Structures are given as structure tokens and as C-alpha cells.
PDB file of all heavy atoms in Angstrom:
ATOM      1  N   GLN A   1     -32.151 -25.831  -9.990  1.00  0.00           N
ATOM      2  CA  GLN A   1     -33.132 -24.904 -10.554  1.00  0.00           C
ATOM      3  C   GLN A   1     -32.701 -23.506 -10.135  1.00  0.00           C
ATOM      4  O   GLN A   1     -32.231 -23.301  -9.005  1.00  0.00           O
ATOM      5  CB  GLN A   1     -34.527 -25.189 -10.006  1.00  0.00           C
ATOM      6  CG  GLN A   1     -35.094 -26.534 -10.409  1.00  0.00           C
ATOM      7  CD  GLN A   1     -36.350 -26.819  -9.604  1.00  0.00           C
ATOM      8  OE1 GLN A   1     -36.293 -27.080  -8.412  1.00  0.00           O
ATOM      9  NE2 GLN A   1     -37.486 -26.743 -10.264  1.00  0.00           N
ATOM     10  N   VAL A   2     -32.850 -22.567 -11.032  1.00  0.00           N
ATOM     11  CA  VAL A   2     -32.400 -21.207 -10.727  1.00  0.00           C
ATOM     12  C   VAL A   2     -33.446 -20.187 -11.170  1.00  0.00           C
ATOM     13  O   VAL A   2     -34.209 -20.422 -12.111  1.00  0.00           O
ATOM     14  CB  VAL A   2     -31.052 -20.878 -11.409  1.00  0.00           C
ATOM     15  CG1 VAL A   2     -29.956 -21.804 -10.917  1.00  0.00           C
ATOM     16  CG2 VAL A   2     -31.166 -20.948 -12.932  1.00  0.00           C
ATOM     17  N   ILE A   3     -33.476 -19.072 -10.464  1.00  0.00           N
ATOM     18  CA  ILE A   3     -34.193 -17.877 -10.909  1.00  0.00           C
ATOM     19  C   ILE A   3     -33.114 -16.844 -11.161  1.00  0.00           C
ATOM     20  O   ILE A   3     -32.306 -16.537 -10.268  1.00  0.00           O
ATOM     21  CB  ILE A   3     -35.194 -17.385  -9.846  1.00  0.00           C
ATOM     22  CG1 ILE A   3     -36.255 -18.460  -9.573  1.00  0.00           C
ATOM     23  CG2 ILE A   3     -35.869 -16.089 -10.315  1.00  0.00           C
ATOM     24  CD1 ILE A   3     -37.187 -18.131  -8.409  1.00  0.00           C
ATOM     25  N   ARG A   4     -33.038 -16.329 -12.391  1.00  0.00           N
ATOM     26  CA  ARG A   4     -31.968 -15.398 -12.733  1.00  0.00           C
ATOM     27  C   ARG A   4     -32.451 -14.374 -13.744  1.00  0.00           C
ATOM     28  O   ARG A   4     -33.448 -14.568 -14.439  1.00  0.00           O
ATOM     29  CB  ARG A   4     -30.756 -16.141 -13.288  1.00  0.00           C
ATOM     30  CG  ARG A   4     -30.995 -16.832 -14.627  1.00  0.00           C
ATOM     31  CD  ARG A   4     -29.678 -17.337 -15.214  1.00  0.00           C
ATOM     32  NE  ARG A   4     -29.841 -18.102 -16.449  1.00  0.00           N
ATOM     33  CZ  ARG A   4     -29.972 -17.569 -17.666  1.00  0.00           C
ATOM     34  NH1 ARG A   4     -29.982 -16.259 -17.799  1.00  0.00           N
ATOM     35  NH2 ARG A   4     -30.109 -18.344 -18.729  1.00  0.00           N
ATOM     36  N   TRP A   5     -31.718 -13.288 -13.803  1.00  0.00           N
ATOM     37  CA  TRP A   5     -31.969 -12.303 -14.845  1.00  0.00           C
ATOM     38  C   TRP A   5     -31.480 -12.860 -16.176  1.00  0.00           C
ATOM     39  O   TRP A   5     -30.444 -13.537 -16.228  1.00  0.00           O
ATOM     40  CB  TRP A   5     -31.246 -10.988 -14.527  1.00  0.00           C
ATOM     41  CG  TRP A   5     -31.752 -10.312 -13.281  1.00  0.00           C
ATOM     42  CD1 TRP A   5     -31.180 -10.327 -12.047  1.00  0.00           C
ATOM     43  CD2 TRP A   5     -32.960  -9.562 -13.161  1.00  0.00           C
ATOM     44  NE1 TRP A   5     -31.947  -9.620 -11.147  1.00  0.00           N
ATOM     45  CE2 TRP A   5     -33.053  -9.134 -11.807  1.00  0.00           C
ATOM     46  CE3 TRP A   5     -33.978  -9.191 -14.047  1.00  0.00           C
ATOM     47  CZ2 TRP A   5     -34.116  -8.370 -11.328  1.00  0.00           C
ATOM     48  CZ3 TRP A   5     -35.030  -8.430 -13.576  1.00  0.00           C
ATOM     49  CH2 TRP A   5     -35.100  -8.028 -12.240  1.00  0.00           C
ATOM     50  N   LEU A   6     -32.228 -12.616 -17.221  1.00  0.00           N
ATOM     51  CA  LEU A   6     -31.840 -13.119 -18.536  1.00  0.00           C
ATOM     52  C   LEU A   6     -30.448 -12.596 -18.870  1.00  0.00           C
ATOM     53  O   LEU A   6     -30.209 -11.390 -18.863  1.00  0.00           O
ATOM     54  CB  LEU A   6     -32.854 -12.655 -19.595  1.00  0.00           C
ATOM     55  CG  LEU A   6     -32.888 -13.446 -20.890  1.00  0.00           C
ATOM     56  CD1 LEU A   6     -33.411 -14.855 -20.635  1.00  0.00           C
ATOM     57  CD2 LEU A   6     -33.787 -12.752 -21.919  1.00  0.00           C
ATOM     58  N   GLU A   7     -29.506 -13.525 -19.109  1.00  0.00           N
ATOM     59  CA  GLU A   7     -28.108 -13.188 -19.402  1.00  0.00           C
ATOM     60  C   GLU A   7     -27.481 -12.383 -18.260  1.00  0.00           C
ATOM     61  O   GLU A   7     -26.616 -11.528 -18.494  1.00  0.00           O
ATOM     62  CB  GLU A   7     -28.007 -12.414 -20.724  1.00  0.00           C
ATOM     63  CG  GLU A   7     -28.533 -13.190 -21.923  1.00  0.00           C
ATOM     64  CD  GLU A   7     -28.481 -12.376 -23.205  1.00  0.00           C
ATOM     65  OE1 GLU A   7     -28.180 -11.169 -23.129  1.00  0.00           O
ATOM     66  OE2 GLU A   7     -28.752 -12.945 -24.266  1.00  0.00           O
ATOM     67  N   GLY A   8     -27.931 -12.654 -17.025  1.00  0.00           N
ATOM     68  CA  GLY A   8     -27.406 -11.899 -15.888  1.00  0.00           C
ATOM     69  C   GLY A   8     -27.246 -12.752 -14.652  1.00  0.00           C
ATOM     70  O   GLY A   8     -27.141 -13.980 -14.719  1.00  0.00           O
ATOM     71  N   GLU A   9     -27.254 -12.125 -13.497  1.00  0.00           N
ATOM     72  CA  GLU A   9     -26.941 -12.789 -12.246  1.00  0.00           C
ATOM     73  C   GLU A   9     -28.087 -13.660 -11.737  1.00  0.00           C
ATOM     74  O   GLU A   9     -29.258 -13.419 -12.022  1.00  0.00           O
ATOM     75  CB  GLU A   9     -26.587 -11.747 -11.181  1.00  0.00           C
ATOM     76  CG  GLU A   9     -27.748 -10.826 -10.820  1.00  0.00           C
ATOM     77  CD  GLU A   9     -27.388  -9.847  -9.714  1.00  0.00           C
ATOM     78  OE1 GLU A   9     -26.584 -10.207  -8.847  1.00  0.00           O
ATOM     79  OE2 GLU A   9     -27.948  -8.740  -9.731  1.00  0.00           O
ATOM     80  N   GLU A  10     -27.706 -14.689 -10.944  1.00  0.00           N
ATOM     81  CA  GLU A  10     -28.684 -15.546 -10.285  1.00  0.00           C
ATOM     82  C   GLU A  10     -29.262 -14.835  -9.068  1.00  0.00           C
ATOM     83  O   GLU A  10     -28.563 -14.102  -8.376  1.00  0.00           O
ATOM     84  CB  GLU A  10     -28.027 -16.850  -9.818  1.00  0.00           C
ATOM     85  CG  GLU A  10     -27.778 -17.838 -10.913  1.00  0.00           C
ATOM     86  CD  GLU A  10     -27.224 -19.152 -10.363  1.00  0.00           C
ATOM     87  OE1 GLU A  10     -27.203 -19.316  -9.119  1.00  0.00           O
ATOM     88  OE2 GLU A  10     -26.819 -19.997 -11.169  1.00  0.00           O
ATOM     89  N   VAL A  11     -30.533 -15.115  -8.811  1.00  0.00           N
ATOM     90  CA  VAL A  11     -31.198 -14.562  -7.632  1.00  0.00           C
ATOM     91  C   VAL A  11     -31.504 -15.673  -6.631  1.00  0.00           C
ATOM     92  O   VAL A  11     -31.353 -15.502  -5.420  1.00  0.00           O
ATOM     93  CB  VAL A  11     -32.499 -13.834  -8.043  1.00  0.00           C
ATOM     94  CG1 VAL A  11     -33.222 -13.295  -6.817  1.00  0.00           C
ATOM     95  CG2 VAL A  11     -32.195 -12.707  -9.025  1.00  0.00           C
ATOM     96  N   VAL A  12     -31.946 -16.843  -7.135  1.00  0.00           N
ATOM     97  CA  VAL A  12     -32.259 -18.000  -6.295  1.00  0.00           C
ATOM     98  C   VAL A  12     -31.657 -19.239  -6.952  1.00  0.00           C
ATOM     99  O   VAL A  12     -31.726 -19.395  -8.176  1.00  0.00           O
ATOM    100  CB  VAL A  12     -33.785 -18.192  -6.127  1.00  0.00           C
ATOM    101  CG1 VAL A  12     -34.089 -19.411  -5.263  1.00  0.00           C
ATOM    102  CG2 VAL A  12     -34.434 -16.948  -5.531  1.00  0.00           C
ATOM    103  N   ASN A  13     -31.076 -20.118  -6.116  1.00  0.00           N
ATOM    104  CA  ASN A  13     -30.509 -21.364  -6.606  1.00  0.00           C
ATOM    105  C   ASN A  13     -30.965 -22.500  -5.684  1.00  0.00           C
ATOM    106  O   ASN A  13     -30.761 -22.434  -4.473  1.00  0.00           O
ATOM    107  CB  ASN A  13     -28.976 -21.274  -6.621  1.00  0.00           C
ATOM    108  CG  ASN A  13     -28.324 -22.494  -7.245  1.00  0.00           C
ATOM    109  OD1 ASN A  13     -28.509 -23.607  -6.778  1.00  0.00           O
ATOM    110  ND2 ASN A  13     -27.537 -22.284  -8.300  1.00  0.00           N
ATOM    111  N   SER A  14     -31.596 -23.528  -6.257  1.00  0.00           N
ATOM    112  CA  SER A  14     -32.159 -24.612  -5.443  1.00  0.00           C
ATOM    113  C   SER A  14     -31.074 -25.368  -4.670  1.00  0.00           C
ATOM    114  O   SER A  14     -31.313 -25.836  -3.560  1.00  0.00           O
ATOM    115  CB  SER A  14     -32.941 -25.591  -6.330  1.00  0.00           C
ATOM    116  OG  SER A  14     -32.082 -26.235  -7.265  1.00  0.00           O
ATOM    117  N   ARG A  15     -29.878 -25.492  -5.244  1.00  0.00           N
ATOM    118  CA  ARG A  15     -28.806 -26.210  -4.560  1.00  0.00           C
ATOM    119  C   ARG A  15     -28.363 -25.467  -3.299  1.00  0.00           C
ATOM    120  O   ARG A  15     -28.062 -26.078  -2.276  1.00  0.00           O
ATOM    121  CB  ARG A  15     -27.612 -26.398  -5.501  1.00  0.00           C
ATOM    122  CG  ARG A  15     -27.921 -27.181  -6.759  1.00  0.00           C
ATOM    123  CD  ARG A  15     -27.994 -28.669  -6.510  1.00  0.00           C
ATOM    124  NE  ARG A  15     -26.673 -29.268  -6.468  1.00  0.00           N
ATOM    125  CZ  ARG A  15     -26.456 -30.567  -6.324  1.00  0.00           C
ATOM    126  NH1 ARG A  15     -27.478 -31.383  -6.177  1.00  0.00           N
ATOM    127  NH2 ARG A  15     -25.241 -31.054  -6.303  1.00  0.00           N
ATOM    128  N   GLU A  16     -28.346 -24.150  -3.387  1.00  0.00           N
ATOM    129  CA  GLU A  16     -27.997 -23.366  -2.199  1.00  0.00           C
ATOM    130  C   GLU A  16     -29.070 -23.512  -1.123  1.00  0.00           C
ATOM    131  O   GLU A  16     -28.764 -23.602   0.067  1.00  0.00           O
ATOM    132  CB  GLU A  16     -27.813 -21.898  -2.583  1.00  0.00           C
ATOM    133  CG  GLU A  16     -26.583 -21.640  -3.428  1.00  0.00           C
ATOM    134  CD  GLU A  16     -26.416 -20.169  -3.764  1.00  0.00           C
ATOM    135  OE1 GLU A  16     -27.152 -19.343  -3.176  1.00  0.00           O
ATOM    136  OE2 GLU A  16     -25.555 -19.846  -4.606  1.00  0.00           O
ATOM    137  N   LEU A  17     -30.332 -23.552  -1.551  1.00  0.00           N
ATOM    138  CA  LEU A  17     -31.419 -23.769  -0.585  1.00  0.00           C
ATOM    139  C   LEU A  17     -31.273 -25.128   0.077  1.00  0.00           C
ATOM    140  O   LEU A  17     -31.466 -25.269   1.293  1.00  0.00           O
ATOM    141  CB  LEU A  17     -32.777 -23.678  -1.289  1.00  0.00           C
ATOM    142  CG  LEU A  17     -33.308 -22.285  -1.623  1.00  0.00           C
ATOM    143  CD1 LEU A  17     -34.582 -22.409  -2.452  1.00  0.00           C
ATOM    144  CD2 LEU A  17     -33.579 -21.484  -0.368  1.00  0.00           C
ATOM    145  N   GLU A  18     -30.929 -26.147  -0.710  1.00  0.00           N
ATOM    146  CA  GLU A  18     -30.766 -27.495  -0.160  1.00  0.00           C
ATOM    147  C   GLU A  18     -29.654 -27.547   0.882  1.00  0.00           C
ATOM    148  O   GLU A  18     -29.779 -28.207   1.914  1.00  0.00           O
ATOM    149  CB  GLU A  18     -30.478 -28.482  -1.289  1.00  0.00           C
ATOM    150  CG  GLU A  18     -31.686 -28.790  -2.160  1.00  0.00           C
ATOM    151  CD  GLU A  18     -31.371 -29.685  -3.336  1.00  0.00           C
ATOM    152  OE1 GLU A  18     -30.177 -29.912  -3.615  1.00  0.00           O
ATOM    153  OE2 GLU A  18     -32.320 -30.158  -3.978  1.00  0.00           O
ATOM    154  N   ARG A  19     -28.556 -26.836   0.599  1.00  0.00           N
ATOM    155  CA  ARG A  19     -27.446 -26.831   1.554  1.00  0.00           C
ATOM    156  C   ARG A  19     -27.855 -26.191   2.881  1.00  0.00           C
ATOM    157  O   ARG A  19     -27.442 -26.640   3.951  1.00  0.00           O
ATOM    158  CB  ARG A  19     -26.244 -26.104   0.948  1.00  0.00           C
ATOM    159  CG  ARG A  19     -25.449 -26.958  -0.037  1.00  0.00           C
ATOM    160  CD  ARG A  19     -24.132 -26.331  -0.395  1.00  0.00           C
ATOM    161  NE  ARG A  19     -24.302 -25.176  -1.275  1.00  0.00           N
ATOM    162  CZ  ARG A  19     -24.295 -25.262  -2.601  1.00  0.00           C
ATOM    163  NH1 ARG A  19     -24.150 -26.435  -3.195  1.00  0.00           N
ATOM    164  NH2 ARG A  19     -24.438 -24.188  -3.346  1.00  0.00           N
ATOM    165  N   LYS A  20     -28.686 -25.158   2.800  1.00  0.00           N
ATOM    166  CA  LYS A  20     -29.111 -24.464   4.012  1.00  0.00           C
ATOM    167  C   LYS A  20     -30.172 -25.253   4.780  1.00  0.00           C
ATOM    168  O   LYS A  20     -30.176 -25.270   6.004  1.00  0.00           O
ATOM    169  CB  LYS A  20     -29.652 -23.078   3.657  1.00  0.00           C
ATOM    170  CG  LYS A  20     -28.589 -22.126   3.131  1.00  0.00           C
ATOM    171  CD  LYS A  20     -29.203 -20.798   2.694  1.00  0.00           C
ATOM    172  CE  LYS A  20     -28.131 -19.860   2.145  1.00  0.00           C
ATOM    173  NZ  LYS A  20     -28.716 -18.588   1.646  1.00  0.00           N
ATOM    174  N   ILE A  21     -31.069 -25.902   4.033  1.00  0.00           N
ATOM    175  CA  ILE A  21     -32.187 -26.611   4.666  1.00  0.00           C
ATOM    176  C   ILE A  21     -31.815 -28.046   5.019  1.00  0.00           C
ATOM    177  O   ILE A  21     -32.323 -28.619   5.992  1.00  0.00           O
ATOM    178  CB  ILE A  21     -33.426 -26.577   3.733  1.00  0.00           C
ATOM    179  CG1 ILE A  21     -33.900 -25.129   3.565  1.00  0.00           C
ATOM    180  CG2 ILE A  21     -34.565 -27.426   4.280  1.00  0.00           C
ATOM    181  CD1 ILE A  21     -34.979 -24.946   2.522  1.00  0.00           C
ATOM    182  N   GLY A  22     -30.937 -28.643   4.218  1.00  0.00           N
ATOM    183  CA  GLY A  22     -30.520 -30.015   4.486  1.00  0.00           C
ATOM    184  C   GLY A  22     -31.422 -31.067   3.886  1.00  0.00           C
ATOM    185  O   GLY A  22     -31.321 -32.250   4.218  1.00  0.00           O
ATOM    186  N   LYS A  23     -32.320 -30.678   2.969  1.00  0.00           N
ATOM    187  CA  LYS A  23     -33.233 -31.620   2.324  1.00  0.00           C
ATOM    188  C   LYS A  23     -33.384 -31.246   0.852  1.00  0.00           C
ATOM    189  O   LYS A  23     -33.070 -30.122   0.449  1.00  0.00           O
ATOM    190  CB  LYS A  23     -34.611 -31.607   3.002  1.00  0.00           C
ATOM    191  CG  LYS A  23     -34.589 -32.078   4.452  1.00  0.00           C
ATOM    192  CD  LYS A  23     -35.992 -32.052   5.039  1.00  0.00           C
ATOM    193  CE  LYS A  23     -35.991 -32.545   6.486  1.00  0.00           C
ATOM    194  NZ  LYS A  23     -37.346 -32.508   7.083  1.00  0.00           N
ATOM    195  N   GLU A  24     -33.897 -32.221   0.045  1.00  0.00           N
ATOM    196  CA  GLU A  24     -34.126 -31.945  -1.370  1.00  0.00           C
ATOM    197  C   GLU A  24     -35.202 -30.874  -1.538  1.00  0.00           C
ATOM    198  O   GLU A  24     -36.254 -30.930  -0.900  1.00  0.00           O
ATOM    199  CB  GLU A  24     -34.551 -33.215  -2.111  1.00  0.00           C
ATOM    200  CG  GLU A  24     -33.407 -34.165  -2.386  1.00  0.00           C
ATOM    201  CD  GLU A  24     -33.761 -35.182  -3.455  1.00  0.00           C
ATOM    202  OE1 GLU A  24     -34.921 -35.205  -3.903  1.00  0.00           O
ATOM    203  OE2 GLU A  24     -32.870 -35.949  -3.857  1.00  0.00           O
ATOM    204  N   VAL A  25     -34.932 -29.926  -2.419  1.00  0.00           N
ATOM    205  CA  VAL A  25     -35.826 -28.788  -2.621  1.00  0.00           C
ATOM    206  C   VAL A  25     -36.277 -28.737  -4.072  1.00  0.00           C
ATOM    207  O   VAL A  25     -35.477 -28.968  -4.993  1.00  0.00           O
ATOM    208  CB  VAL A  25     -35.111 -27.470  -2.244  1.00  0.00           C
ATOM    209  CG1 VAL A  25     -35.869 -26.260  -2.774  1.00  0.00           C
ATOM    210  CG2 VAL A  25     -34.946 -27.362  -0.732  1.00  0.00           C
ATOM    211  N   LEU A  26     -37.561 -28.439  -4.285  1.00  0.00           N
ATOM    212  CA  LEU A  26     -38.101 -28.228  -5.626  1.00  0.00           C
ATOM    213  C   LEU A  26     -38.670 -26.817  -5.702  1.00  0.00           C
ATOM    214  O   LEU A  26     -39.567 -26.459  -4.937  1.00  0.00           O
ATOM    215  CB  LEU A  26     -39.207 -29.238  -5.930  1.00  0.00           C
ATOM    216  CG  LEU A  26     -39.865 -29.109  -7.315  1.00  0.00           C
ATOM    217  CD1 LEU A  26     -38.937 -29.630  -8.399  1.00  0.00           C
ATOM    218  CD2 LEU A  26     -41.193 -29.852  -7.366  1.00  0.00           C
ATOM    219  N   LEU A  27     -38.129 -25.988  -6.592  1.00  0.00           N
ATOM    220  CA  LEU A  27     -38.710 -24.662  -6.820  1.00  0.00           C
ATOM    221  C   LEU A  27     -40.043 -24.842  -7.549  1.00  0.00           C
ATOM    222  O   LEU A  27     -40.126 -25.562  -8.543  1.00  0.00           O
ATOM    223  CB  LEU A  27     -37.769 -23.789  -7.646  1.00  0.00           C
ATOM    224  CG  LEU A  27     -36.476 -23.312  -6.977  1.00  0.00           C
ATOM    225  CD1 LEU A  27     -35.704 -22.388  -7.928  1.00  0.00           C
ATOM    226  CD2 LEU A  27     -36.769 -22.584  -5.672  1.00  0.00           C
TER     227      LEU A  27
END
């Protein structure tokens, strides 16, 4: 799951959060 600017850069990515937290994440 991602939060991004329309046709632009990502701001939040659930997979990156999972890697940092070590558990499944749901935005």
C-alpha cells in the first residue's frame, strides 16, 4: 500500500514500514 503524489513520488510505503517494524502492516 502506498501514499503518493498523483503521477509523482511515494511518501509512505507499507512494505518499507514492515521491514522496519518486522510485522505485517495495514495502512
